[in-house]
């Protein structure tokens, strides 16, 4: 049985990142949901109270860390995961910026 992330703080952290990312990139939430979860309806379900597994949550947080928009500050109240090693955490969908987020900058 997989563990479930349903704590308000974890889900709120994820949704804070979603809101900041969508506002900065003008991406639709369904588009972002597809990029992060390979499921365009997943973020809407999470907003509506659906749970998310711990591994899926960790992969989503890592996706944001690896693809965070250049010049956009990471929200201060959200824990920032370390950058993934190259090819260690493949994104389900490529970043619209070609993977050139905060982590890509740090590795160059």
Protein backbone atom coordinates (compact mmCIF):
# COMPACT_ATOMS: atom_id res chain seq x y z
CA UNK A 1 0.00 0.00 0.00
CA UNK A 2 1.45 3.39 -0.93
CA UNK A 3 1.56 6.26 1.51
CA UNK A 4 -0.70 9.22 0.82
CA UNK A 5 0.13 12.90 1.11
CA UNK A 6 -2.97 14.64 2.34
CA UNK A 7 -1.51 17.07 4.85
CA UNK A 8 -2.71 20.55 4.12
CA UNK A 9 0.77 22.01 4.32
CA UNK A 10 2.25 19.65 1.69
CA UNK A 11 -0.68 20.07 -0.68
CA UNK A 12 -0.69 23.82 -0.06
CA UNK A 13 3.04 23.97 -0.84
CA UNK A 14 2.43 22.20 -4.14
CA UNK A 15 -0.47 24.48 -5.04
CA UNK A 16 1.57 27.56 -4.11
CA UNK A 17 4.19 26.45 -6.63
CA UNK A 18 1.50 25.75 -9.23
CA UNK A 19 0.00 29.22 -8.80
CA UNK A 20 3.38 30.99 -8.96
CA UNK A 21 4.54 28.97 -11.97
CA UNK A 22 1.32 29.49 -13.92
CA UNK A 23 1.29 33.22 -13.20
CA UNK A 24 4.95 33.65 -14.21
CA UNK A 25 4.80 31.54 -17.37
CA UNK A 26 1.15 32.16 -18.30
CA UNK A 27 0.74 28.40 -18.63
CA UNK A 28 -2.75 27.01 -18.19
CA UNK A 29 -3.10 24.82 -15.11
CA UNK A 30 -4.22 21.88 -17.26
CA UNK A 31 -1.08 22.24 -19.37
CA UNK A 32 1.10 22.34 -16.27
CA UNK A 33 -0.75 19.34 -14.84
CA UNK A 34 0.07 17.40 -18.01
CA UNK A 35 3.74 18.39 -17.80
CA UNK A 36 4.08 17.49 -14.13
CA UNK A 37 1.79 14.46 -13.81
CA UNK A 38 1.12 13.36 -17.42
CA UNK A 39 -2.52 13.96 -16.49
CA UNK A 40 -4.22 17.24 -17.37
CA UNK A 41 -6.89 16.78 -14.70
CA UNK A 42 -4.65 15.86 -11.74
CA UNK A 43 -4.06 19.36 -10.36
CA UNK A 44 -7.77 20.12 -10.53
CA UNK A 45 -8.47 16.91 -8.60
CA UNK A 46 -5.88 17.86 -5.97
CA UNK A 47 -7.47 21.31 -5.62
CA UNK A 48 -10.81 19.57 -5.13
CA UNK A 49 -9.41 17.53 -2.24
CA UNK A 50 -7.99 14.44 -3.91
CA UNK A 51 -4.97 12.81 -2.28
CA UNK A 52 -1.61 12.22 -3.92
CA UNK A 53 0.94 9.49 -3.20
CA UNK A 54 4.20 10.40 -1.51
CA UNK A 55 6.36 9.38 -4.48
CA UNK A 56 4.19 11.28 -6.93
CA UNK A 57 4.28 14.32 -4.66
CA UNK A 58 8.09 14.12 -4.41
CA UNK A 59 8.42 13.81 -8.19
CA UNK A 60 6.15 16.84 -8.66
CA UNK A 61 8.17 18.92 -6.21
CA UNK A 62 11.36 17.83 -7.97
CA UNK A 63 9.87 18.77 -11.35
CA UNK A 64 9.22 22.28 -10.08
CA UNK A 65 12.72 22.52 -8.64
CA UNK A 66 14.28 21.38 -11.91
CA UNK A 67 12.07 23.55 -14.13
CA UNK A 68 11.54 26.68 -12.04
CA UNK A 69 11.38 29.80 -14.25
CA UNK A 70 14.51 31.90 -14.47
CA UNK A 71 14.26 35.08 -12.43
CA UNK A 72 11.25 33.92 -10.38
CA UNK A 73 11.93 33.61 -6.65
CA UNK A 74 10.99 30.29 -5.09
CA UNK A 75 8.22 30.94 -2.52
CA UNK A 76 9.88 31.46 0.87
CA UNK A 77 7.37 29.32 2.76
CA UNK A 78 7.82 26.27 0.49
CA UNK A 79 10.70 23.83 1.10
CA UNK A 80 12.97 23.72 -1.95
CA UNK A 81 14.17 20.24 -2.98
CA UNK A 82 17.77 19.83 -4.06
CA UNK A 83 18.43 19.78 -7.78
CA UNK A 84 18.25 16.29 -9.27
CA UNK A 85 21.31 14.66 -10.71
CA UNK A 86 21.15 14.63 -14.52
CA UNK A 87 18.80 11.87 -15.70
CA UNK A 88 18.12 10.88 -12.07
CA UNK A 89 14.53 12.19 -12.11
CA UNK A 90 13.23 12.30 -15.67
CA UNK A 91 10.28 14.61 -16.23
CA UNK A 92 7.14 12.95 -17.58
CA UNK A 93 6.88 15.86 -20.01
CA UNK A 94 9.66 18.21 -21.12
CA UNK A 95 9.71 21.71 -19.74
CA UNK A 96 8.49 24.37 -22.15
CA UNK A 97 11.81 26.07 -21.48
CA UNK A 98 13.82 23.00 -22.42
CA UNK A 99 14.68 22.21 -18.82
CA UNK A 100 16.44 25.53 -18.31
CA UNK A 101 15.18 26.22 -14.81
CA UNK A 102 17.03 27.14 -11.65
CA UNK A 103 18.73 23.73 -11.46
CA UNK A 104 19.94 23.90 -15.05
CA UNK A 105 21.58 27.24 -14.29
CA UNK A 106 23.31 25.88 -11.21
CA UNK A 107 24.85 23.00 -13.18
CA UNK A 108 26.39 25.23 -15.86
